[in-house]
Amino acid sequence: SGPFGPWLAVPSIADPAQTLGKACRYDTSLTPRESELVILLTAAYYRSPTEFEIHRNEALKAGLSEDIINAFPRGDDFSLSNVKTRIVPLLGENERELAVVLFAAEVLATKQVC
């Protein structure tokens, strides 16, 4: 159940949290692949191995390769520069995916967008 296990015992917490999670993940303009890229970036930045591993399978289903997933810098290794050198080259020419990844990485790494 990952980090959400304790919530299962308290439906008044679990139900709204599940609704929020669903809205953030599915009710957006992002494709499933783009969504998983952002989720993996966020899990990598915040050093959440459980969340990263849960979403590894979702990312594979969404069409991300093992090479891309394994390229994510994690913990102290996370930087905008490392995202640019490790992940961006593996994404190919998909400008929208590149923009989504670079935007999310910049927000995570710098807490701002320039």
Protein backbone atom coordinates (compact mmCIF):
# COMPACT_ATOMS: atom_id res chain seq x y z
CA SER A 1 0.00 0.00 0.00
CA GLY A 2 3.02 2.30 0.05
CA PRO A 3 2.98 5.49 2.09
CA PHE A 4 -0.81 5.63 2.00
CA GLY A 5 -1.39 2.46 4.02
CA PRO A 6 -2.22 4.22 7.30
CA TRP A 7 -4.84 6.32 5.54
CA LEU A 8 -6.85 3.21 4.69
CA ALA A 9 -7.87 2.97 8.34
CA VAL A 10 -9.38 6.47 8.21
CA PRO A 11 -11.88 6.77 5.33
CA SER A 12 -12.51 10.44 6.09
CA ILE A 13 -8.87 11.05 5.11
CA ALA A 14 -8.45 8.36 2.45
CA ASP A 15 -11.51 9.21 0.34
CA PRO A 16 -10.73 12.91 -0.23
CA ALA A 17 -7.03 12.12 -0.75
CA GLN A 18 -7.95 9.54 -3.40
CA THR A 19 -10.23 12.03 -5.13
CA LEU A 20 -7.46 14.65 -5.14
CA GLY A 21 -4.91 12.15 -6.44
CA LYS A 22 -7.24 11.05 -9.22
CA ALA A 23 -7.89 14.65 -10.29
CA CYS A 24 -4.18 15.50 -10.30
CA ARG A 25 -3.27 12.40 -12.27
CA TYR A 26 -6.12 11.93 -14.73
CA ASP A 27 -8.06 15.18 -15.05
CA THR A 28 -5.27 17.13 -16.74
CA SER A 29 -4.19 17.99 -20.26
CA LEU A 30 -1.16 15.71 -19.90
CA THR A 31 -0.95 12.41 -21.75
CA PRO A 32 -0.41 9.31 -19.58
CA ARG A 33 3.23 9.28 -20.68
CA GLU A 34 3.73 12.96 -19.78
CA SER A 35 1.99 12.43 -16.46
CA GLU A 36 4.27 9.53 -15.57
CA LEU A 37 7.34 11.56 -16.53
CA VAL A 38 6.30 14.28 -14.09
CA ILE A 39 5.40 11.78 -11.35
CA LEU A 40 8.76 10.02 -11.70
CA LEU A 41 10.61 13.36 -11.66
CA THR A 42 8.77 14.37 -8.51
CA ALA A 43 9.36 11.02 -6.80
CA ALA A 44 13.05 11.17 -7.74
CA TYR A 45 13.44 14.73 -6.46
CA TYR A 46 11.67 14.05 -3.16
CA ARG A 47 13.55 10.78 -2.60
CA SER A 48 10.43 8.66 -2.58
CA PRO A 49 11.55 5.21 -3.73
CA THR A 50 8.17 3.64 -2.99
CA GLU A 51 6.34 6.15 -5.19
CA PHE A 52 9.03 5.79 -7.88
CA GLU A 53 8.72 2.00 -7.93
CA ILE A 54 4.91 2.10 -7.92
CA HIS A 55 5.00 4.38 -10.94
CA ARG A 56 7.76 2.46 -12.75
CA ASN A 57 5.14 -0.05 -13.93
CA GLU A 58 2.68 2.72 -14.81
CA ALA A 59 5.41 4.47 -16.79
CA LEU A 60 6.20 1.28 -18.70
CA LYS A 61 2.49 0.86 -19.51
CA ALA A 62 2.43 4.49 -20.70
CA GLY A 63 5.26 3.76 -23.13
CA LEU A 64 8.38 4.91 -21.32
CA SER A 65 11.41 2.68 -21.79
CA GLU A 66 13.49 1.17 -19.00
CA ASP A 67 16.38 3.33 -20.26
CA ILE A 68 14.40 6.51 -19.66
CA ILE A 69 13.14 5.36 -16.26
CA ASN A 70 16.62 4.32 -15.13
CA ALA A 71 18.10 7.66 -16.27
CA PHE A 72 16.23 9.70 -13.64
CA PRO A 73 18.67 11.39 -11.25
CA ARG A 74 17.61 10.81 -7.65
CA GLY A 75 18.18 12.49 -4.31
CA ASP A 76 21.36 14.58 -4.15
CA ASP A 77 21.99 13.68 -7.79
CA PHE A 78 18.84 15.55 -8.88
CA SER A 79 19.54 18.77 -10.76
CA LEU A 80 18.18 20.53 -13.80
CA SER A 81 21.52 19.91 -15.48
CA ASN A 82 21.35 16.15 -14.83
CA VAL A 83 17.78 16.00 -16.15
CA LYS A 84 18.93 17.81 -19.31
CA THR A 85 21.90 15.51 -19.87
CA ARG A 86 20.37 12.17 -18.85
CA ILE A 87 16.67 12.25 -19.69
CA VAL A 88 16.22 14.83 -22.44
CA PRO A 89 18.45 13.00 -24.98
CA LEU A 90 16.38 9.83 -24.50
CA LEU A 91 13.05 11.54 -25.22
CA GLY A 92 13.79 12.19 -28.88
CA GLU A 93 12.10 14.96 -30.81
CA ASN A 94 8.78 15.12 -28.95
CA GLU A 95 8.72 18.85 -28.20
CA ARG A 96 5.75 18.65 -25.88
CA GLU A 97 7.34 15.93 -23.71
CA LEU A 98 10.58 17.91 -23.64
CA ALA A 99 8.71 21.03 -22.52
CA VAL A 100 6.81 19.12 -19.81
CA VAL A 101 9.97 17.49 -18.44
CA LEU A 102 12.03 20.69 -18.50
CA PHE A 103 9.24 22.72 -16.89
CA ALA A 104 8.71 20.17 -14.10
CA ALA A 105 12.45 19.74 -13.51
CA GLU A 106 12.97 23.50 -13.34
CA VAL A 107 10.15 23.94 -10.83
CA LEU A 108 11.51 21.10 -8.68
CA ALA A 109 15.16 22.16 -8.86
CA THR A 110 14.79 25.93 -8.52
CA LYS A 111 11.29 26.46 -7.07
CA GLN A 112 10.68 28.93 -9.91
CA VAL A 113 10.35 29.11 -13.67
CA CYS A 114 12.40 31.63 -15.61
